[in-house]
Structure formats: C-alpha cells, structure tokens
C-alpha atoms as a PDB file:
ATOM      1  CA  UNK A   1      -0.101  -0.145  -0.085  1.00  0.00           C
ATOM      2  CA  UNK A   2       2.804   2.297   0.788  1.00  0.00           C
ATOM      3  CA  UNK A   3       4.325   1.977  -2.854  1.00  0.00           C
ATOM      4  CA  UNK A   4       0.711   2.423  -4.225  1.00  0.00           C
ATOM      5  CA  UNK A   5       0.129   5.695  -2.464  1.00  0.00           C
ATOM      6  CA  UNK A   6       3.638   6.679  -3.198  1.00  0.00           C
ATOM      7  CA  UNK A   7       3.106   6.380  -6.881  1.00  0.00           C
ATOM      8  CA  UNK A   8      -0.312   8.216  -6.524  1.00  0.00           C
ATOM      9  CA  UNK A   9       1.652  11.139  -4.897  1.00  0.00           C
ATOM     10  CA  UNK A  10       4.290  11.200  -7.799  1.00  0.00           C
ATOM     11  CA  UNK A  11       1.469  11.301 -10.184  1.00  0.00           C
ATOM     12  CA  UNK A  12      -0.186  14.056  -8.494  1.00  0.00           C
ATOM     13  CA  UNK A  13       2.831  15.915  -8.140  1.00  0.00           C
ATOM     14  CA  UNK A  14       3.927  15.760 -11.934  1.00  0.00           C
ATOM     15  CA  UNK A  15       0.196  16.497 -12.792  1.00  0.00           C
ATOM     16  CA  UNK A  16       0.688  19.909 -10.928  1.00  0.00           C
ATOM     17  CA  UNK A  17       4.237  20.642 -12.143  1.00  0.00           C
ATOM     18  CA  UNK A  18       3.240  19.770 -16.063  1.00  0.00           C
ATOM     19  CA  UNK A  19      -0.269  21.613 -15.811  1.00  0.00           C
ATOM     20  CA  UNK A  20       1.445  24.781 -14.038  1.00  0.00           C
ATOM     21  CA  UNK A  21       4.264  24.703 -16.588  1.00  0.00           C
ATOM     22  CA  UNK A  22       1.866  24.345 -19.693  1.00  0.00           C
ATOM     23  CA  UNK A  23      -0.036  27.269 -18.492  1.00  0.00           C
ATOM     24  CA  UNK A  24       3.018  29.519 -18.153  1.00  0.00           C
ATOM     25  CA  UNK A  25       4.246  28.546 -21.370  1.00  0.00           C
ATOM     26  CA  UNK A  26       1.114  29.147 -23.232  1.00  0.00           C
ATOM     27  CA  UNK A  27       1.093  32.690 -21.499  1.00  0.00           C
ATOM     28  CA  UNK A  28       3.522  33.726 -24.231  1.00  0.00           C
ATOM     29  CA  UNK A  29       3.239  31.064 -27.231  1.00  0.00           C
ATOM     30  CA  UNK A  30       0.515  30.788 -29.473  1.00  0.00           C
ATOM     31  CA  UNK A  31      -1.966  27.992 -29.288  1.00  0.00           C
ATOM     32  CA  UNK A  32      -1.734  26.211 -32.674  1.00  0.00           C
ATOM     33  CA  UNK A  33      -3.726  23.151 -31.904  1.00  0.00           C
ATOM     34  CA  UNK A  34      -6.371  22.010 -29.414  1.00  0.00           C
ATOM     35  CA  UNK A  35      -7.891  18.953 -28.038  1.00  0.00           C
ATOM     36  CA  UNK A  36     -11.161  19.805 -29.542  1.00  0.00           C
ATOM     37  CA  UNK A  37      -9.643  20.414 -32.832  1.00  0.00           C
ATOM     38  CA  UNK A  38      -8.190  16.838 -32.678  1.00  0.00           C
ATOM     39  CA  UNK A  39     -11.639  15.358 -31.199  1.00  0.00           C
ATOM     40  CA  UNK A  40     -13.428  16.938 -34.207  1.00  0.00           C
ATOM     41  CA  UNK A  41     -11.023  15.370 -36.796  1.00  0.00           C
ATOM     42  CA  UNK A  42     -11.317  12.016 -35.189  1.00  0.00           C
ATOM     43  CA  UNK A  43     -15.071  12.366 -35.564  1.00  0.00           C
ATOM     44  CA  UNK A  44     -14.973  13.234 -39.069  1.00  0.00           C
ATOM     45  CA  UNK A  45     -12.759  10.375 -39.840  1.00  0.00           C
ATOM     46  CA  UNK A  46     -15.082   7.906 -38.072  1.00  0.00           C
ATOM     47  CA  UNK A  47     -18.055   9.570 -40.151  1.00  0.00           C
ATOM     48  CA  UNK A  48     -16.222   9.081 -43.532  1.00  0.00           C
ATOM     49  CA  UNK A  49     -16.086  12.670 -44.020  1.00  0.00           C
ATOM     50  CA  UNK A  50     -13.144  14.864 -45.309  1.00  0.00           C
ATOM     51  CA  UNK A  51     -10.868  15.954 -42.512  1.00  0.00           C
ATOM     52  CA  UNK A  52     -11.355  19.756 -41.842  1.00  0.00           C
ATOM     53  CA  UNK A  53      -9.280  21.843 -39.756  1.00  0.00           C
ATOM     54  CA  UNK A  54      -8.909  25.650 -40.627  1.00  0.00           C
ATOM     55  CA  UNK A  55      -7.175  27.575 -37.988  1.00  0.00           C
ATOM     56  CA  UNK A  56      -4.477  30.527 -38.062  1.00  0.00           C
ATOM     57  CA  UNK A  57      -3.406  32.320 -34.942  1.00  0.00           C
ATOM     58  CA  UNK A  58      -3.591  36.141 -35.205  1.00  0.00           C
ATOM     59  CA  UNK A  59      -2.199  38.283 -32.505  1.00  0.00           C
ATOM     60  CA  UNK A  60      -4.762  40.512 -30.097  1.00  0.00           C
ATOM     61  CA  UNK A  61      -4.133  43.564 -31.780  1.00  0.00           C
ATOM     62  CA  UNK A  62      -5.018  42.060 -35.222  1.00  0.00           C
ATOM     63  CA  UNK A  63      -8.412  41.027 -34.185  1.00  0.00           C
ATOM     64  CA  UNK A  64     -11.414  43.501 -34.517  1.00  0.00           C
ATOM     65  CA  UNK A  65     -12.380  45.245 -31.481  1.00  0.00           C
ATOM     66  CA  UNK A  66     -15.900  44.696 -32.923  1.00  0.00           C
ATOM     67  CA  UNK A  67     -15.533  40.816 -32.224  1.00  0.00           C
ATOM     68  CA  UNK A  68     -14.038  41.336 -28.762  1.00  0.00           C
ATOM     69  CA  UNK A  69     -17.042  43.214 -27.867  1.00  0.00           C
ATOM     70  CA  UNK A  70     -19.520  40.884 -29.863  1.00  0.00           C
ATOM     71  CA  UNK A  71     -18.098  37.853 -27.969  1.00  0.00           C
ATOM     72  CA  UNK A  72     -18.101  39.631 -24.342  1.00  0.00           C
ATOM     73  CA  UNK A  73     -21.600  40.777 -24.918  1.00  0.00           C
ATOM     74  CA  UNK A  74     -22.852  37.393 -26.152  1.00  0.00           C
ATOM     75  CA  UNK A  75     -20.843  35.136 -23.562  1.00  0.00           C
ATOM     76  CA  UNK A  76     -19.522  37.102 -20.742  1.00  0.00           C
ATOM     77  CA  UNK A  77     -20.603  40.503 -19.990  1.00  0.00           C
ATOM     78  CA  UNK A  78     -18.619  40.892 -16.718  1.00  0.00           C
ATOM     79  CA  UNK A  79     -15.442  39.135 -18.136  1.00  0.00           C
ATOM     80  CA  UNK A  80     -13.164  42.113 -16.925  1.00  0.00           C
ATOM     81  CA  UNK A  81     -14.589  42.506 -13.618  1.00  0.00           C
ATOM     82  CA  UNK A  82     -14.630  38.563 -12.442  1.00  0.00           C
ATOM     83  CA  UNK A  83     -11.606  36.388 -11.471  1.00  0.00           C
ATOM     84  CA  UNK A  84     -12.844  33.418 -13.859  1.00  0.00           C
ATOM     85  CA  UNK A  85     -16.213  32.709 -12.146  1.00  0.00           C
ATOM     86  CA  UNK A  86     -19.223  34.945 -12.316  1.00  0.00           C
ATOM     87  CA  UNK A  87     -21.000  34.384  -9.243  1.00  0.00           C
ATOM     88  CA  UNK A  88     -23.951  36.480 -10.265  1.00  0.00           C
ATOM     89  CA  UNK A  89     -24.615  34.518 -13.469  1.00  0.00           C
ATOM     90  CA  UNK A  90     -24.041  31.141 -11.537  1.00  0.00           C
ATOM     91  CA  UNK A  91     -26.881  32.179  -8.995  1.00  0.00           C
ATOM     92  CA  UNK A  92     -29.346  33.395 -11.804  1.00  0.00           C
ATOM     93  CA  UNK A  93     -28.598  29.974 -13.786  1.00  0.00           C
ATOM     94  CA  UNK A  94     -29.377  28.047 -10.361  1.00  0.00           C
ATOM     95  CA  UNK A  95     -32.650  29.920  -9.983  1.00  0.00           C
ATOM     96  CA  UNK A  96     -33.730  29.744 -13.603  1.00  0.00           C
ATOM     97  CA  UNK A  97     -32.783  26.030 -14.053  1.00  0.00           C
ATOM     98  CA  UNK A  98     -35.358  25.138 -11.163  1.00  0.00           C
ATOM     99  CA  UNK A  99     -37.947  25.921 -13.719  1.00  0.00           C
ATOM    100  CA  UNK A 100     -36.177  25.096 -16.973  1.00  0.00           C
ATOM    101  CA  UNK A 101     -36.265  21.840 -18.977  1.00  0.00           C
ATOM    102  CA  UNK A 102     -33.038  22.308 -20.469  1.00  0.00           C
ATOM    103  CA  UNK A 103     -30.528  23.699 -17.576  1.00  0.00           C
ATOM    104  CA  UNK A 104     -28.427  26.770 -18.893  1.00  0.00           C
ATOM    105  CA  UNK A 105     -25.059  27.001 -18.128  1.00  0.00           C
ATOM    106  CA  UNK A 106     -23.111  30.203 -16.445  1.00  0.00           C
ATOM    107  CA  UNK A 107     -19.358  29.638 -18.093  1.00  0.00           C
ATOM    108  CA  UNK A 108     -17.221  32.424 -18.348  1.00  0.00           C
ATOM    109  CA  UNK A 109     -14.865  33.131 -21.242  1.00  0.00           C
ATOM    110  CA  UNK A 110     -12.229  31.909 -18.760  1.00  0.00           C
ATOM    111  CA  UNK A 111     -13.881  28.781 -18.120  1.00  0.00           C
ATOM    112  CA  UNK A 112     -14.479  28.178 -21.816  1.00  0.00           C
ATOM    113  CA  UNK A 113     -10.663  28.960 -22.658  1.00  0.00           C
ATOM    114  CA  UNK A 114      -9.515  26.393 -20.031  1.00  0.00           C
ATOM    115  CA  UNK A 115     -11.786  23.858 -21.568  1.00  0.00           C
ATOM    116  CA  UNK A 116     -11.008  24.413 -25.198  1.00  0.00           C
ATOM    117  CA  UNK A 117      -7.278  24.693 -24.688  1.00  0.00           C
ATOM    118  CA  UNK A 118      -6.440  22.038 -22.021  1.00  0.00           C
ATOM    119  CA  UNK A 119      -9.636  19.621 -21.951  1.00  0.00           C
ATOM    120  CA  UNK A 120     -12.269  17.941 -23.962  1.00  0.00           C
ATOM    121  CA  UNK A 121     -15.929  18.901 -24.760  1.00  0.00           C
ATOM    122  CA  UNK A 122     -17.961  16.397 -23.340  1.00  0.00           C
ATOM    123  CA  UNK A 123     -19.324  17.342 -20.040  1.00  0.00           C
ATOM    124  CA  UNK A 124     -18.671  15.422 -16.820  1.00  0.00           C
ATOM    125  CA  UNK A 125     -17.817  16.104 -13.126  1.00  0.00           C
ATOM    126  CA  UNK A 126     -14.109  15.185 -13.775  1.00  0.00           C
ATOM    127  CA  UNK A 127     -14.073  17.637 -16.473  1.00  0.00           C
ATOM    128  CA  UNK A 128     -16.111  20.361 -14.647  1.00  0.00           C
ATOM    129  CA  UNK A 129     -13.450  20.097 -11.700  1.00  0.00           C
ATOM    130  CA  UNK A 130     -10.214  20.163 -14.097  1.00  0.00           C
ATOM    131  CA  UNK A 131     -11.901  23.059 -15.793  1.00  0.00           C
ATOM    132  CA  UNK A 132     -12.301  24.818 -12.535  1.00  0.00           C
ATOM    133  CA  UNK A 133      -8.493  24.202 -11.788  1.00  0.00           C
ATOM    134  CA  UNK A 134      -7.139  25.239 -15.133  1.00  0.00           C
ATOM    135  CA  UNK A 135      -9.629  28.570 -15.083  1.00  0.00           C
ATOM    136  CA  UNK A 136      -8.066  29.528 -11.522  1.00  0.00           C
ATOM    137  CA  UNK A 137      -4.333  28.803 -13.356  1.00  0.00           C
ATOM    138  CA  UNK A 138      -4.920  31.091 -16.241  1.00  0.00           C
ATOM    139  CA  UNK A 139      -6.772  33.801 -14.175  1.00  0.00           C
ATOM    140  CA  UNK A 140      -3.451  33.674 -11.985  1.00  0.00           C
ATOM    141  CA  UNK A 141      -0.890  33.562 -14.777  1.00  0.00           C
ATOM    142  CA  UNK A 142      -2.499  35.256 -17.805  1.00  0.00           C
ATOM    143  CA  UNK A 143      -3.704  38.838 -18.112  1.00  0.00           C
ATOM    144  CA  UNK A 144      -7.397  39.199 -19.194  1.00  0.00           C
ATOM    145  CA  UNK A 145      -6.392  40.423 -22.689  1.00  0.00           C
ATOM    146  CA  UNK A 146      -4.301  37.171 -23.094  1.00  0.00           C
ATOM    147  CA  UNK A 147      -7.372  35.093 -22.146  1.00  0.00           C
ATOM    148  CA  UNK A 148      -9.449  36.883 -24.597  1.00  0.00           C
ATOM    149  CA  UNK A 149      -6.722  36.381 -27.212  1.00  0.00           C
ATOM    150  CA  UNK A 150      -6.348  32.706 -26.713  1.00  0.00           C
ATOM    151  CA  UNK A 151     -10.198  32.377 -26.613  1.00  0.00           C
ATOM    152  CA  UNK A 152     -10.888  34.234 -29.833  1.00  0.00           C
ATOM    153  CA  UNK A 153      -8.204  32.369 -31.833  1.00  0.00           C
ATOM    154  CA  UNK A 154      -9.381  29.011 -30.466  1.00  0.00           C
ATOM    155  CA  UNK A 155     -13.179  29.196 -30.446  1.00  0.00           C
ATOM    156  CA  UNK A 156     -15.079  26.530 -32.626  1.00  0.00           C
ATOM    157  CA  UNK A 157     -16.748  28.996 -35.343  1.00  0.00           C
ATOM    158  CA  UNK A 158     -18.118  26.442 -37.716  1.00  0.00           C
ATOM    159  CA  UNK A 159     -17.618  22.725 -39.058  1.00  0.00           C
ATOM    160  CA  UNK A 160     -13.818  22.496 -38.829  1.00  0.00           C
ATOM    161  CA  UNK A 161     -13.289  25.948 -38.429  1.00  0.00           C
ATOM    162  CA  UNK A 162     -11.532  27.596 -35.241  1.00  0.00           C
ATOM    163  CA  UNK A 163     -10.841  31.248 -34.420  1.00  0.00           C
ATOM    164  CA  UNK A 164     -11.289  34.559 -35.642  1.00  0.00           C
ATOM    165  CA  UNK A 165      -9.042  34.537 -38.771  1.00  0.00           C
ATOM    166  CA  UNK A 166     -10.467  31.398 -39.989  1.00  0.00           C
ATOM    167  CA  UNK A 167     -14.148  32.333 -39.828  1.00  0.00           C
ATOM    168  CA  UNK A 168     -13.247  35.839 -41.242  1.00  0.00           C
ATOM    169  CA  UNK A 169     -11.589  34.191 -44.300  1.00  0.00           C
ATOM    170  CA  UNK A 170     -14.078  31.237 -44.975  1.00  0.00           C
ATOM    171  CA  UNK A 171     -17.505  32.909 -43.975  1.00  0.00           C
ATOM    172  CA  UNK A 172     -16.925  36.688 -44.929  1.00  0.00           C
ATOM    173  CA  UNK A 173     -13.772  36.772 -47.261  1.00  0.00           C
ATOM    174  CA  UNK A 174     -12.152  39.224 -45.034  1.00  0.00           C
ATOM    175  CA  UNK A 175      -9.638  39.081 -42.145  1.00  0.00           C
ATOM    176  CA  UNK A 176     -10.026  39.091 -38.322  1.00  0.00           C
ATOM    177  CA  UNK A 177      -8.803  42.892 -38.158  1.00  0.00           C
ATOM    178  CA  UNK A 178     -11.525  43.722 -40.588  1.00  0.00           C
ATOM    179  CA  UNK A 179     -14.602  42.137 -39.167  1.00  0.00           C
ATOM    180  CA  UNK A 180     -17.543  44.711 -39.053  1.00  0.00           C
ATOM    181  CA  UNK A 181     -19.822  45.109 -35.987  1.00  0.00           C
ATOM    182  CA  UNK A 182     -22.481  43.178 -37.778  1.00  0.00           C
ATOM    183  CA  UNK A 183     -20.283  40.459 -38.971  1.00  0.00           C
ATOM    184  CA  UNK A 184     -18.827  39.959 -35.472  1.00  0.00           C
ATOM    185  CA  UNK A 185     -22.337  39.740 -33.947  1.00  0.00           C
ATOM    186  CA  UNK A 186     -23.222  37.029 -36.402  1.00  0.00           C
ATOM    187  CA  UNK A 187     -20.291  35.156 -35.508  1.00  0.00           C
ATOM    188  CA  UNK A 188     -20.944  35.449 -31.532  1.00  0.00           C
ATOM    189  CA  UNK A 189     -24.633  34.616 -32.155  1.00  0.00           C
ATOM    190  CA  UNK A 190     -23.490  31.121 -33.418  1.00  0.00           C
ATOM    191  CA  UNK A 191     -21.194  30.357 -30.495  1.00  0.00           C
ATOM    192  CA  UNK A 192     -23.429  28.320 -28.388  1.00  0.00           C
ATOM    193  CA  UNK A 193     -23.577  25.814 -31.107  1.00  0.00           C
ATOM    194  CA  UNK A 194     -21.502  26.647 -34.277  1.00  0.00           C
ATOM    195  CA  UNK A 195     -21.817  23.389 -36.007  1.00  0.00           C
ATOM    196  CA  UNK A 196     -25.841  23.902 -35.997  1.00  0.00           C
ATOM    197  CA  UNK A 197     -25.918  27.580 -36.457  1.00  0.00           C
ATOM    198  CA  UNK A 198     -23.855  29.234 -39.204  1.00  0.00           C
ATOM    199  CA  UNK A 199     -22.762  33.010 -39.551  1.00  0.00           C
ATOM    200  CA  UNK A 200     -22.443  32.495 -43.270  1.00  0.00           C
ATOM    201  CA  UNK A 201     -25.898  31.556 -43.803  1.00  0.00           C
ATOM    202  CA  UNK A 202     -27.783  32.865 -40.568  1.00  0.00           C
ATOM    203  CA  UNK A 203     -31.157  31.353 -39.699  1.00  0.00           C
ATOM    204  CA  UNK A 204     -33.741  33.816 -38.514  1.00  0.00           C
ATOM    205  CA  UNK A 205     -32.813  32.819 -34.785  1.00  0.00           C
ATOM    206  CA  UNK A 206     -29.159  33.819 -35.522  1.00  0.00           C
ATOM    207  CA  UNK A 207     -30.251  37.053 -37.055  1.00  0.00           C
ATOM    208  CA  UNK A 208     -32.539  37.780 -34.009  1.00  0.00           C
ATOM    209  CA  UNK A 209     -29.533  37.051 -31.658  1.00  0.00           C
ATOM    210  CA  UNK A 210     -27.249  39.247 -33.962  1.00  0.00           C
ATOM    211  CA  UNK A 211     -29.636  42.227 -33.282  1.00  0.00           C
ATOM    212  CA  UNK A 212     -29.641  41.654 -29.752  1.00  0.00           C
ATOM    213  CA  UNK A 213     -25.943  41.460 -29.388  1.00  0.00           C
ATOM    214  CA  UNK A 214     -25.410  44.520 -31.550  1.00  0.00           C
ATOM    215  CA  UNK A 215     -27.555  46.450 -29.006  1.00  0.00           C
ATOM    216  CA  UNK A 216     -25.630  45.176 -25.892  1.00  0.00           C
ATOM    217  CA  UNK A 217     -22.029  45.657 -27.699  1.00  0.00           C
ATOM    218  CA  UNK A 218     -22.447  49.404 -27.321  1.00  0.00           C
ATOM    219  CA  UNK A 219     -22.039  49.045 -23.420  1.00  0.00           C
ATOM    220  CA  UNK A 220     -18.960  46.992 -23.599  1.00  0.00           C
ATOM    221  CA  UNK A 221     -15.859  48.819 -22.767  1.00  0.00           C
ATOM    222  CA  UNK A 222     -12.446  47.395 -23.700  1.00  0.00           C
ATOM    223  CA  UNK A 223      -9.177  48.338 -21.795  1.00  0.00           C
ATOM    224  CA  UNK A 224      -7.393  51.066 -23.397  1.00  0.00           C
ATOM    225  CA  UNK A 225      -4.686  50.075 -25.713  1.00  0.00           C
ATOM    226  CA  UNK A 226      -1.360  50.552 -24.503  1.00  0.00           C
END
C-alpha cells in the first residue's frame, strides 16, 4: 500500500508541475492546436467525412474590437470584472434551472478558454473539476487580454473552422482585423452551437440574436490599448 500511495503522490505532483508549466508557457506561445480540434478530426474520420481543420493564429491587436465586444456581450459581459467565475450568473442560472427543462450554464470566457485549450468538450464532473482548476491557473498567470486572445483564436466557429481569422476568411472573405460590427455579432450569435448555426448562412434565430448582441455591444468597454 505504501508503494501504491507513493506512486499516486508522484502522479499528482507531476500533474501539478506539468499543468502549471503548460499554463505558463502558453502565456507567451501561440496555441496552434487544441484537444477539441483533434477530437473533431477523429469524429470526421469515423463519419467518413473529409478532414477539415481551418485555423490561423493572429495576435490580439489584429483582431477586430467589434468581435471582442460581440463575444463579451454574448458570452460573458462581466469578463473584465470577475476572477474567472461569475457568481451573479451562477446564481441566476441556479434559480432559472429550477423551472427550465434544459438547464443553462454560466460558463465564463475564462472557463471556456480553459476547456478549449486543455480539456475535452464532453461534460462530466471530472471535466468540470479540471476546468475549474485550469480556470484558476489561467486567471492567475494570464492577463485578461491574453485569455481573450486565446479564446478568440481557438473558439469553434463552424464545421472544422476555429478562431477569428479562419471564420473571417471562410464566411466573410475578409480578415479578423476587418470584421464589422454586424459580422462580429453574427459570429458571436452562433457560438453556443457553431456546428448547428452558421454565421455564413444565418437562420432567423441567428439574425435575431445578432440584433440583440449589437444592442449590447455598445455597453462593452475594452481596456485602453497600451
């Protein structure tokens, strides 16, 4: 038993060392590939579909401020105020879920970034626990602008499409830096389910969400550029 617990302790110690090290490294290094991209590629192969993975990293300053505001307005309006977890939204979700058939989540951009970069999409208690752990780490070691930069570069935005630059290229024939407010709101409107909803061919629901997001964007303040 002593040997068993000794092995367990070593595994836990190395997990902490490697996870903290990875978070520190990715504070400075672009994220070119994520577990989600790999999982989607495997799903495509199993389904006999062509493998698609469109992704190009672009720096924070080369992403339209419209898209930054749109995503914050849609996903996490208190992003620059909280420390990774939005207690207000969590409490709202808990109250609403008592009456809803489908429970709604209250994941912040920080939590979604942790999941996209370090974990897998399928929900479970284990993943949620690890997601909380990595959320604490990235909030500790990354500035908010870095968290948003990584999220905007790694978010799933269509079938085999990831990040601001790829969706700008494939859906709007432009670049991430030139996305308009309307285009940005369309992209943000699809984020809850980008493989079901399309910013290239928006449904009436997506267009309705776009208008709501456009209204909210005017209240989102970004930090002043240094």
